[in-house]
Amino acid sequence: FDTRVHVREPVSGMTFKRKLVGLDFGASAPTAAYEIGVDQGNRVWVLREFYKRNADDAAWVAEVASWGVNQIFCDPSRSEKDIETLRRIYGLPIKAARSNSFDLRFRLFGGRLTIRADGEPGMYISPACPNLTAEIPNLALNKPRGLDYDASRGWMPGCADHGWTSVCYVLE
């Protein structure tokens, strides 16, 4: 991740073939929601964020509903009963992400950061997402003493990964 490459404002008037939201519910951690646009070249644009500690459902619902997106992908560990309640009460197009696999999310996110054959990455992040751009450089793989890095071990304990996780729910 390089802010000089990956942090960019979308071109004025840019159209997206899809707009989605990734949502990581917070209890003691922040609730993080990101609006994601997919452009005509299948590049992912992280357009805006809701990132708030101690946010109740009403707070994130009000923000996300104003974005007018087609689908919200949330933490698959939230019960289907809770998700159905959110759909019914708030009329949200919300469903659980397909997987909670760290290894899969790690590969998908890394793949999007990679510079493609055309010289551009597969993902850009708007400057309107300061929490995400601050989070990414501080993520560190868990490496127990004397062992090699292994993405299956997740991040080091204490790493803030709420924004990263939210975006990954859409990439799956």
N, C-alpha and C. Protein backbone atom coordinates (compact mmCIF):
# COMPACT_ATOMS: atom_id res chain seq x y z
N PHE A 1 0.84 -1.18 0.00
CA PHE A 1 0.00 0.00 0.00
C PHE A 1 0.88 1.24 0.00
N ASP A 2 0.64 2.10 -0.94
CA ASP A 2 1.41 3.33 -1.06
C ASP A 2 0.40 4.47 -1.25
N THR A 3 0.35 5.40 -0.31
CA THR A 3 -0.64 6.48 -0.41
C THR A 3 -0.47 7.29 -1.68
N ARG A 4 0.75 7.39 -2.19
CA ARG A 4 0.97 8.15 -3.43
C ARG A 4 0.32 7.47 -4.64
N VAL A 5 0.12 6.17 -4.56
CA VAL A 5 -0.46 5.40 -5.66
C VAL A 5 -1.94 5.12 -5.42
N HIS A 6 -2.27 4.68 -4.22
CA HIS A 6 -3.60 4.13 -3.95
C HIS A 6 -4.62 5.13 -3.43
N VAL A 7 -4.19 6.27 -2.94
CA VAL A 7 -5.15 7.26 -2.44
C VAL A 7 -5.38 8.28 -3.54
N ARG A 8 -6.61 8.29 -4.02
CA ARG A 8 -6.95 9.14 -5.16
C ARG A 8 -8.45 9.45 -5.14
N GLU A 9 -8.77 10.67 -5.50
CA GLU A 9 -10.16 11.08 -5.65
C GLU A 9 -10.66 10.57 -7.00
N PRO A 10 -11.89 10.03 -7.05
CA PRO A 10 -12.42 9.62 -8.36
C PRO A 10 -12.54 10.84 -9.28
N VAL A 11 -12.43 10.59 -10.56
CA VAL A 11 -12.57 11.66 -11.55
C VAL A 11 -14.00 12.19 -11.48
N SER A 12 -14.14 13.49 -11.55
CA SER A 12 -15.47 14.12 -11.51
C SER A 12 -16.37 13.52 -12.59
N GLY A 13 -17.57 13.15 -12.20
CA GLY A 13 -18.53 12.58 -13.15
C GLY A 13 -18.34 11.10 -13.41
N MET A 14 -17.39 10.46 -12.73
CA MET A 14 -17.14 9.03 -12.93
C MET A 14 -18.41 8.25 -12.58
N THR A 15 -18.72 7.26 -13.40
CA THR A 15 -19.88 6.41 -13.11
C THR A 15 -19.39 5.03 -12.69
N PHE A 16 -20.18 4.41 -11.86
CA PHE A 16 -19.86 3.09 -11.34
C PHE A 16 -20.95 2.12 -11.74
N LYS A 17 -20.54 0.94 -12.15
CA LYS A 17 -21.53 -0.05 -12.55
C LYS A 17 -22.21 -0.68 -11.34
N ARG A 18 -21.57 -0.60 -10.17
CA ARG A 18 -22.17 -1.07 -8.92
C ARG A 18 -21.65 -0.23 -7.78
N LYS A 19 -22.51 -0.05 -6.78
CA LYS A 19 -22.09 0.56 -5.52
C LYS A 19 -22.56 -0.37 -4.40
N LEU A 20 -21.63 -0.68 -3.52
CA LEU A 20 -21.86 -1.64 -2.45
C LEU A 20 -21.32 -1.05 -1.15
N VAL A 21 -21.69 -1.67 -0.05
CA VAL A 21 -21.16 -1.27 1.25
C VAL A 21 -20.61 -2.49 1.96
N GLY A 22 -19.45 -2.32 2.58
CA GLY A 22 -18.89 -3.31 3.49
C GLY A 22 -19.08 -2.77 4.89
N LEU A 23 -19.54 -3.62 5.80
CA LEU A 23 -19.90 -3.18 7.15
C LEU A 23 -19.34 -4.13 8.19
N ASP A 24 -18.54 -3.60 9.10
CA ASP A 24 -18.02 -4.36 10.24
C ASP A 24 -18.64 -3.75 11.49
N PHE A 25 -19.50 -4.52 12.15
CA PHE A 25 -20.16 -4.02 13.36
C PHE A 25 -19.15 -3.88 14.48
N GLY A 26 -19.30 -2.84 15.26
CA GLY A 26 -18.43 -2.65 16.41
C GLY A 26 -19.23 -2.75 17.70
N ALA A 27 -18.60 -3.29 18.70
CA ALA A 27 -19.18 -3.28 20.04
C ALA A 27 -18.26 -2.37 20.84
N SER A 28 -17.14 -2.91 21.29
CA SER A 28 -16.14 -2.05 21.93
C SER A 28 -15.25 -1.40 20.87
N ALA A 29 -15.15 -2.06 19.72
CA ALA A 29 -14.37 -1.52 18.59
C ALA A 29 -15.27 -0.61 17.75
N PRO A 30 -14.70 0.19 16.88
CA PRO A 30 -15.54 1.05 16.03
C PRO A 30 -16.38 0.25 15.04
N THR A 31 -17.55 0.77 14.74
CA THR A 31 -18.33 0.27 13.61
C THR A 31 -17.74 0.95 12.39
N ALA A 32 -17.46 0.15 11.36
CA ALA A 32 -16.84 0.69 10.15
C ALA A 32 -17.68 0.28 8.94
N ALA A 33 -18.08 1.27 8.15
CA ALA A 33 -18.82 1.02 6.91
C ALA A 33 -18.15 1.82 5.80
N TYR A 34 -18.02 1.18 4.64
CA TYR A 34 -17.37 1.82 3.50
C TYR A 34 -18.21 1.66 2.26
N GLU A 35 -18.42 2.78 1.56
CA GLU A 35 -19.09 2.74 0.27
C GLU A 35 -18.03 2.42 -0.78
N ILE A 36 -18.32 1.41 -1.59
CA ILE A 36 -17.39 0.92 -2.59
C ILE A 36 -18.04 1.03 -3.96
N GLY A 37 -17.36 1.65 -4.89
CA GLY A 37 -17.83 1.70 -6.27
C GLY A 37 -16.95 0.81 -7.14
N VAL A 38 -17.56 0.13 -8.09
CA VAL A 38 -16.82 -0.68 -9.05
C VAL A 38 -16.97 0.00 -10.40
N ASP A 39 -15.84 0.43 -10.98
CA ASP A 39 -15.91 1.18 -12.24
C ASP A 39 -16.01 0.24 -13.45
N GLN A 40 -16.05 0.82 -14.62
CA GLN A 40 -16.21 0.04 -15.85
C GLN A 40 -15.03 -0.90 -16.12
N GLY A 41 -13.87 -0.60 -15.56
CA GLY A 41 -12.69 -1.44 -15.72
C GLY A 41 -12.52 -2.43 -14.57
N ASN A 42 -13.57 -2.59 -13.75
CA ASN A 42 -13.57 -3.48 -12.58
C ASN A 42 -12.60 -3.07 -11.48
N ARG A 43 -12.23 -1.79 -11.48
CA ARG A 43 -11.43 -1.29 -10.36
C ARG A 43 -12.36 -0.96 -9.21
N VAL A 44 -11.88 -1.20 -8.02
CA VAL A 44 -12.62 -0.89 -6.81
C VAL A 44 -12.21 0.50 -6.33
N TRP A 45 -13.21 1.31 -6.01
CA TRP A 45 -12.98 2.65 -5.46
C TRP A 45 -13.65 2.70 -4.10
N VAL A 46 -12.88 2.91 -3.05
CA VAL A 46 -13.44 3.08 -1.71
C VAL A 46 -13.75 4.57 -1.60
N LEU A 47 -15.04 4.90 -1.58
CA LEU A 47 -15.48 6.27 -1.78
C LEU A 47 -15.70 7.08 -0.51
N ARG A 48 -16.26 6.46 0.51
CA ARG A 48 -16.49 7.18 1.77
C ARG A 48 -16.64 6.20 2.91
N GLU A 49 -16.52 6.75 4.12
CA GLU A 49 -16.53 5.88 5.29
C GLU A 49 -17.45 6.41 6.39
N PHE A 50 -17.91 5.48 7.17
CA PHE A 50 -18.53 5.74 8.47
C PHE A 50 -17.69 4.94 9.43
N TYR A 51 -17.07 5.59 10.39
CA TYR A 51 -16.14 4.93 11.31
C TYR A 51 -16.35 5.56 12.67
N LYS A 52 -17.04 4.83 13.54
CA LYS A 52 -17.42 5.44 14.82
C LYS A 52 -17.45 4.40 15.94
N ARG A 53 -16.79 4.74 17.02
CA ARG A 53 -16.82 3.91 18.22
C ARG A 53 -18.16 4.09 18.93
N ASN A 54 -18.67 3.03 19.52
CA ASN A 54 -19.94 3.04 20.27
C ASN A 54 -21.13 3.46 19.41
N ALA A 55 -21.09 3.16 18.15
CA ALA A 55 -22.21 3.52 17.26
C ALA A 55 -23.33 2.50 17.43
N ASP A 56 -24.54 2.99 17.60
CA ASP A 56 -25.67 2.07 17.63
C ASP A 56 -26.18 1.88 16.21
N ASP A 57 -27.12 0.95 16.04
CA ASP A 57 -27.62 0.66 14.70
C ASP A 57 -28.20 1.91 14.04
N ALA A 58 -28.90 2.74 14.78
CA ALA A 58 -29.52 3.93 14.19
C ALA A 58 -28.49 4.85 13.55
N ALA A 59 -27.31 4.97 14.16
CA ALA A 59 -26.28 5.88 13.64
C ALA A 59 -25.74 5.40 12.29
N TRP A 60 -25.31 4.14 12.21
CA TRP A 60 -24.75 3.66 10.95
C TRP A 60 -25.82 3.48 9.89
N VAL A 61 -27.04 3.09 10.30
CA VAL A 61 -28.12 2.92 9.34
C VAL A 61 -28.45 4.24 8.66
N ALA A 62 -28.53 5.32 9.43
CA ALA A 62 -28.84 6.64 8.86
C ALA A 62 -27.79 7.04 7.83
N GLU A 63 -26.53 6.83 8.15
CA GLU A 63 -25.45 7.20 7.22
C GLU A 63 -25.47 6.33 5.97
N VAL A 64 -25.49 5.03 6.16
CA VAL A 64 -25.42 4.10 5.03
C VAL A 64 -26.66 4.23 4.13
N ALA A 65 -27.82 4.42 4.72
CA ALA A 65 -29.05 4.57 3.93
C ALA A 65 -28.96 5.79 3.01
N SER A 66 -28.27 6.83 3.44
CA SER A 66 -28.15 8.05 2.63
C SER A 66 -27.25 7.83 1.41
N TRP A 67 -26.46 6.76 1.41
CA TRP A 67 -25.55 6.49 0.30
C TRP A 67 -26.28 5.88 -0.90
N GLY A 68 -27.45 5.30 -0.69
CA GLY A 68 -28.22 4.75 -1.80
C GLY A 68 -27.53 3.63 -2.54
N VAL A 69 -27.02 2.64 -1.82
CA VAL A 69 -26.28 1.54 -2.45
C VAL A 69 -27.19 0.35 -2.75
N ASN A 70 -26.69 -0.55 -3.62
CA ASN A 70 -27.46 -1.72 -4.04
C ASN A 70 -27.42 -2.87 -3.03
N GLN A 71 -26.30 -3.00 -2.31
CA GLN A 71 -26.14 -4.15 -1.41
C GLN A 71 -25.16 -3.80 -0.30
N ILE A 72 -25.44 -4.32 0.89
CA ILE A 72 -24.56 -4.17 2.05
C ILE A 72 -24.10 -5.58 2.43
N PHE A 73 -22.79 -5.76 2.53
CA PHE A 73 -22.22 -7.02 2.98
C PHE A 73 -21.64 -6.81 4.36
N CYS A 74 -22.07 -7.63 5.31
CA CYS A 74 -21.63 -7.44 6.69
C CYS A 74 -20.93 -8.68 7.22
N ASP A 75 -20.45 -8.54 8.42
CA ASP A 75 -19.75 -9.59 9.14
C ASP A 75 -20.59 -10.87 9.14
N PRO A 76 -20.04 -11.97 8.60
CA PRO A 76 -20.81 -13.21 8.56
C PRO A 76 -21.01 -13.86 9.92
N SER A 77 -20.35 -13.34 10.95
CA SER A 77 -20.57 -13.90 12.29
C SER A 77 -21.83 -13.33 12.95
N ARG A 78 -22.40 -12.28 12.37
CA ARG A 78 -23.69 -11.75 12.88
C ARG A 78 -24.77 -12.76 12.52
N SER A 79 -25.66 -13.04 13.43
CA SER A 79 -26.65 -14.09 13.20
C SER A 79 -27.61 -13.70 12.06
N GLU A 80 -28.10 -14.71 11.37
CA GLU A 80 -29.06 -14.49 10.29
C GLU A 80 -30.32 -13.83 10.84
N LYS A 81 -30.68 -14.16 12.07
CA LYS A 81 -31.85 -13.53 12.71
C LYS A 81 -31.63 -12.03 12.87
N ASP A 82 -30.44 -11.62 13.32
CA ASP A 82 -30.12 -10.19 13.46
C ASP A 82 -30.14 -9.49 12.10
N ILE A 83 -29.59 -10.15 11.10
CA ILE A 83 -29.54 -9.55 9.75
C ILE A 83 -30.95 -9.40 9.19
N GLU A 84 -31.78 -10.41 9.39
CA GLU A 84 -33.18 -10.33 8.94
C GLU A 84 -33.92 -9.20 9.65
N THR A 85 -33.64 -9.01 10.92
CA THR A 85 -34.25 -7.92 11.68
C THR A 85 -33.85 -6.57 11.10
N LEU A 86 -32.58 -6.40 10.74
CA LEU A 86 -32.12 -5.15 10.13
C LEU A 86 -32.80 -4.92 8.78
N ARG A 87 -32.97 -6.00 8.00
CA ARG A 87 -33.67 -5.87 6.72
C ARG A 87 -35.12 -5.43 6.94
N ARG A 88 -35.78 -6.06 7.90
CA ARG A 88 -37.20 -5.80 8.13
C ARG A 88 -37.43 -4.41 8.73
N ILE A 89 -36.70 -4.07 9.77
CA ILE A 89 -36.93 -2.80 10.47
C ILE A 89 -36.49 -1.60 9.63
N TYR A 90 -35.30 -1.68 9.02
CA TYR A 90 -34.73 -0.53 8.32
C TYR A 90 -34.86 -0.60 6.80
N GLY A 91 -35.32 -1.72 6.27
CA GLY A 91 -35.46 -1.86 4.83
C GLY A 91 -34.14 -1.86 4.09
N LEU A 92 -33.11 -2.39 4.73
CA LEU A 92 -31.77 -2.39 4.14
C LEU A 92 -31.52 -3.62 3.29
N PRO A 93 -30.81 -3.46 2.17
CA PRO A 93 -30.41 -4.62 1.36
C PRO A 93 -29.13 -5.23 1.94
N ILE A 94 -29.25 -5.86 3.10
CA ILE A 94 -28.07 -6.34 3.82
C ILE A 94 -28.03 -7.87 3.84
N LYS A 95 -26.83 -8.39 3.70
CA LYS A 95 -26.63 -9.82 3.84
C LYS A 95 -25.22 -10.08 4.34
N ALA A 96 -25.03 -11.28 4.88
CA ALA A 96 -23.72 -11.65 5.40
C ALA A 96 -22.74 -11.87 4.25
N ALA A 97 -21.51 -11.47 4.46
CA ALA A 97 -20.45 -11.78 3.49
C ALA A 97 -20.31 -13.30 3.42
N ARG A 98 -19.77 -13.77 2.31
CA ARG A 98 -19.68 -15.22 2.10
C ARG A 98 -18.73 -15.92 3.06
N SER A 99 -17.69 -15.26 3.47
CA SER A 99 -16.66 -15.95 4.24
C SER A 99 -16.05 -15.03 5.29
N ASN A 100 -15.54 -15.65 6.32
CA ASN A 100 -14.80 -14.90 7.34
C ASN A 100 -13.35 -15.37 7.35
N SER A 101 -12.90 -15.95 6.24
CA SER A 101 -11.55 -16.49 6.14
C SER A 101 -10.53 -15.35 6.03
N PHE A 102 -9.64 -15.27 7.00
CA PHE A 102 -8.61 -14.24 6.97
C PHE A 102 -7.71 -14.41 5.74
N ASP A 103 -7.32 -15.64 5.47
CA ASP A 103 -6.43 -15.91 4.34
C ASP A 103 -7.04 -15.42 3.03
N LEU A 104 -8.32 -15.71 2.81
CA LEU A 104 -9.00 -15.25 1.59
C LEU A 104 -9.03 -13.73 1.53
N ARG A 105 -9.41 -13.08 2.63
CA ARG A 105 -9.47 -11.61 2.64
C ARG A 105 -8.09 -11.01 2.39
N PHE A 106 -7.07 -11.59 2.99
CA PHE A 106 -5.70 -11.11 2.82
C PHE A 106 -5.30 -11.16 1.34
N ARG A 107 -5.59 -12.28 0.68
CA ARG A 107 -5.23 -12.43 -0.74
C ARG A 107 -6.05 -11.48 -1.62
N LEU A 108 -7.34 -11.35 -1.36
CA LEU A 108 -8.18 -10.49 -2.19
C LEU A 108 -7.76 -9.02 -2.08
N PHE A 109 -7.53 -8.56 -0.86
CA PHE A 109 -7.14 -7.17 -0.65
C PHE A 109 -5.77 -6.91 -1.28
N GLY A 110 -4.83 -7.82 -1.03
CA GLY A 110 -3.49 -7.67 -1.62
C GLY A 110 -3.52 -7.68 -3.13
N GLY A 111 -4.36 -8.53 -3.69
CA GLY A 111 -4.50 -8.58 -5.14
C GLY A 111 -5.02 -7.27 -5.71
N ARG A 112 -5.92 -6.63 -5.01
CA ARG A 112 -6.46 -5.35 -5.47
C ARG A 112 -5.42 -4.24 -5.37
N LEU A 113 -4.52 -4.32 -4.42
CA LEU A 113 -3.47 -3.29 -4.30
C LEU A 113 -2.39 -3.43 -5.37
N THR A 114 -2.26 -4.62 -5.91
CA THR A 114 -1.23 -4.91 -6.91
C THR A 114 -1.42 -4.05 -8.16
N ILE A 115 -0.32 -3.56 -8.69
CA ILE A 115 -0.34 -2.78 -9.93
C ILE A 115 -0.61 -3.74 -11.09
N ARG A 116 -1.60 -3.42 -11.89
CA ARG A 116 -2.00 -4.28 -13.01
C ARG A 116 -1.14 -3.99 -14.25
N ALA A 117 -1.39 -4.75 -15.29
CA ALA A 117 -0.61 -4.62 -16.54
C ALA A 117 -0.70 -3.22 -17.13
N ASP A 118 -1.81 -2.52 -16.87
CA ASP A 118 -1.97 -1.17 -17.41
C ASP A 118 -1.28 -0.10 -16.56
N GLY A 119 -0.55 -0.53 -15.52
CA GLY A 119 0.20 0.40 -14.68
C GLY A 119 -0.61 1.00 -13.54
N GLU A 120 -1.84 0.57 -13.38
CA GLU A 120 -2.71 1.09 -12.32
C GLU A 120 -3.08 -0.04 -11.36
N PRO A 121 -3.33 0.30 -10.09
CA PRO A 121 -3.76 -0.75 -9.15
C PRO A 121 -5.21 -1.14 -9.39
N GLY A 122 -5.63 -2.21 -8.77
CA GLY A 122 -7.02 -2.66 -8.88
C GLY A 122 -7.93 -2.00 -7.87
N MET A 123 -7.37 -1.11 -7.02
CA MET A 123 -8.18 -0.43 -6.01
C MET A 123 -7.59 0.95 -5.69
N TYR A 124 -8.50 1.89 -5.54
CA TYR A 124 -8.14 3.23 -5.06
C TYR A 124 -8.98 3.54 -3.83
N ILE A 125 -8.42 4.36 -2.97
CA ILE A 125 -9.11 4.78 -1.76
C ILE A 125 -9.18 6.29 -1.76
N SER A 126 -10.38 6.81 -1.58
CA SER A 126 -10.59 8.25 -1.57
C SER A 126 -9.95 8.88 -0.33
N PRO A 127 -9.48 10.11 -0.46
CA PRO A 127 -8.99 10.84 0.72
C PRO A 127 -10.10 11.04 1.76
N ALA A 128 -11.36 10.80 1.37
CA ALA A 128 -12.49 10.93 2.30
C ALA A 128 -12.57 9.73 3.26
N CYS A 129 -11.57 8.85 3.20
CA CYS A 129 -11.52 7.66 4.07
C CYS A 129 -10.25 7.66 4.92
N PRO A 130 -10.08 8.66 5.80
CA PRO A 130 -8.83 8.78 6.54
C PRO A 130 -8.57 7.63 7.51
N ASN A 131 -9.61 7.04 8.07
CA ASN A 131 -9.37 5.94 9.01
C ASN A 131 -8.82 4.71 8.30
N LEU A 132 -9.34 4.43 7.12
CA LEU A 132 -8.84 3.29 6.35
C LEU A 132 -7.40 3.52 5.91
N THR A 133 -7.10 4.70 5.40
CA THR A 133 -5.73 4.97 4.93
C THR A 133 -4.74 5.00 6.09
N ALA A 134 -5.20 5.29 7.30
CA ALA A 134 -4.32 5.24 8.47
C ALA A 134 -4.15 3.80 8.97
N GLU A 135 -5.19 3.01 8.81
CA GLU A 135 -5.17 1.63 9.30
C GLU A 135 -4.23 0.72 8.50
N ILE A 136 -4.31 0.80 7.19
CA ILE A 136 -3.62 -0.16 6.32
C ILE A 136 -2.11 -0.22 6.59
N PRO A 137 -1.39 0.90 6.65
CA PRO A 137 0.06 0.79 6.86
C PRO A 137 0.44 0.23 8.24
N ASN A 138 -0.50 0.24 9.17
CA ASN A 138 -0.21 -0.23 10.52
C ASN A 138 -0.58 -1.69 10.77
N LEU A 139 -1.12 -2.36 9.75
CA LEU A 139 -1.45 -3.77 9.89
C LEU A 139 -0.16 -4.59 9.82
N ALA A 140 -0.04 -5.55 10.70
CA ALA A 140 1.16 -6.40 10.74
C ALA A 140 0.72 -7.84 10.98
N LEU A 141 1.23 -8.73 10.13
CA LEU A 141 0.90 -10.15 10.30
C LEU A 141 1.43 -10.67 11.63
N ASN A 142 0.64 -11.55 12.22
CA ASN A 142 1.02 -12.19 13.46
C ASN A 142 2.19 -13.14 13.19
N LYS A 143 3.29 -12.91 13.86
CA LYS A 143 4.49 -13.74 13.67
C LYS A 143 5.02 -14.15 15.04
N PRO A 144 4.57 -15.30 15.49
CA PRO A 144 5.10 -15.76 16.77
C PRO A 144 6.63 -15.90 16.71
N ARG A 145 7.27 -15.63 17.82
CA ARG A 145 8.73 -15.65 17.89
C ARG A 145 9.29 -16.95 17.31
N GLY A 146 10.23 -16.81 16.40
CA GLY A 146 10.91 -17.96 15.82
C GLY A 146 10.18 -18.62 14.66
N LEU A 147 9.01 -18.12 14.31
CA LEU A 147 8.25 -18.72 13.21
C LEU A 147 8.18 -17.74 12.04
N ASP A 148 7.88 -18.27 10.86
CA ASP A 148 7.72 -17.44 9.68
C ASP A 148 6.36 -16.75 9.68
N TYR A 149 6.26 -15.68 8.90
CA TYR A 149 4.96 -15.03 8.71
C TYR A 149 4.03 -16.00 8.01
N ASP A 150 2.79 -15.98 8.39
CA ASP A 150 1.80 -16.88 7.81
C ASP A 150 0.45 -16.16 7.89
N ALA A 151 -0.15 -15.89 6.72
CA ALA A 151 -1.40 -15.15 6.69
C ALA A 151 -2.53 -15.86 7.43
N SER A 152 -2.40 -17.16 7.65
CA SER A 152 -3.48 -17.87 8.35
C SER A 152 -3.54 -17.50 9.83
N ARG A 153 -2.50 -16.86 10.34
CA ARG A 153 -2.48 -16.46 11.76
C ARG A 153 -3.15 -15.11 12.00
N GLY A 154 -3.50 -14.40 10.95
CA GLY A 154 -4.16 -13.11 11.11
C GLY A 154 -3.19 -11.99 11.44
N TRP A 155 -3.76 -10.90 11.89
CA TRP A 155 -2.96 -9.73 12.26
C TRP A 155 -2.45 -9.88 13.69
N MET A 156 -1.42 -9.13 13.99
CA MET A 156 -0.90 -9.07 15.36
C MET A 156 -2.03 -8.60 16.29
N PRO A 157 -2.06 -9.14 17.49
CA PRO A 157 -3.08 -8.67 18.44
C PRO A 157 -2.97 -7.16 18.63
N GLY A 158 -4.10 -6.51 18.67
CA GLY A 158 -4.14 -5.06 18.87
C GLY A 158 -4.16 -4.23 17.60
N CYS A 159 -3.93 -4.84 16.44
CA CYS A 159 -3.99 -4.10 15.18
C CYS A 159 -5.44 -3.70 14.89
N ALA A 160 -5.66 -2.45 14.61
CA ALA A 160 -7.00 -1.99 14.19
C ALA A 160 -7.20 -2.40 12.74
N ASP A 161 -8.19 -3.24 12.51
CA ASP A 161 -8.43 -3.74 11.16
C ASP A 161 -9.89 -3.60 10.73
N HIS A 162 -10.63 -2.73 11.36
CA HIS A 162 -12.08 -2.63 11.14
C HIS A 162 -12.40 -2.13 9.73
N GLY A 163 -11.69 -1.13 9.27
CA GLY A 163 -11.90 -0.63 7.92
C GLY A 163 -11.48 -1.66 6.89
N TRP A 164 -10.30 -2.24 7.08
CA TRP A 164 -9.80 -3.27 6.18
C TRP A 164 -10.80 -4.41 6.06
N THR A 165 -11.32 -4.87 7.20
CA THR A 165 -12.29 -5.97 7.21
C THR A 165 -13.55 -5.57 6.46
N SER A 166 -14.04 -4.37 6.67
CA SER A 166 -15.26 -3.91 6.00
C SER A 166 -15.11 -3.95 4.49
N VAL A 167 -14.00 -3.46 3.99
CA VAL A 167 -13.75 -3.46 2.55
C VAL A 167 -13.66 -4.91 2.05
N CYS A 168 -13.01 -5.77 2.80
CA CYS A 168 -12.87 -7.18 2.40
C CYS A 168 -14.21 -7.87 2.24
N TYR A 169 -15.19 -7.51 3.05
CA TYR A 169 -16.51 -8.15 2.92
C TYR A 169 -17.10 -7.92 1.53
N VAL A 170 -16.80 -6.80 0.92
CA VAL A 170 -17.28 -6.53 -0.44
C VAL A 170 -16.44 -7.28 -1.47
N LEU A 171 -15.15 -7.40 -1.24
CA LEU A 171 -14.26 -8.04 -2.20
C LEU A 171 -14.54 -9.54 -2.35
N GLU A 172 -15.09 -10.14 -1.32
CA GLU A 172 -15.38 -11.58 -1.37
C GLU A 172 -16.47 -11.82 -2.37
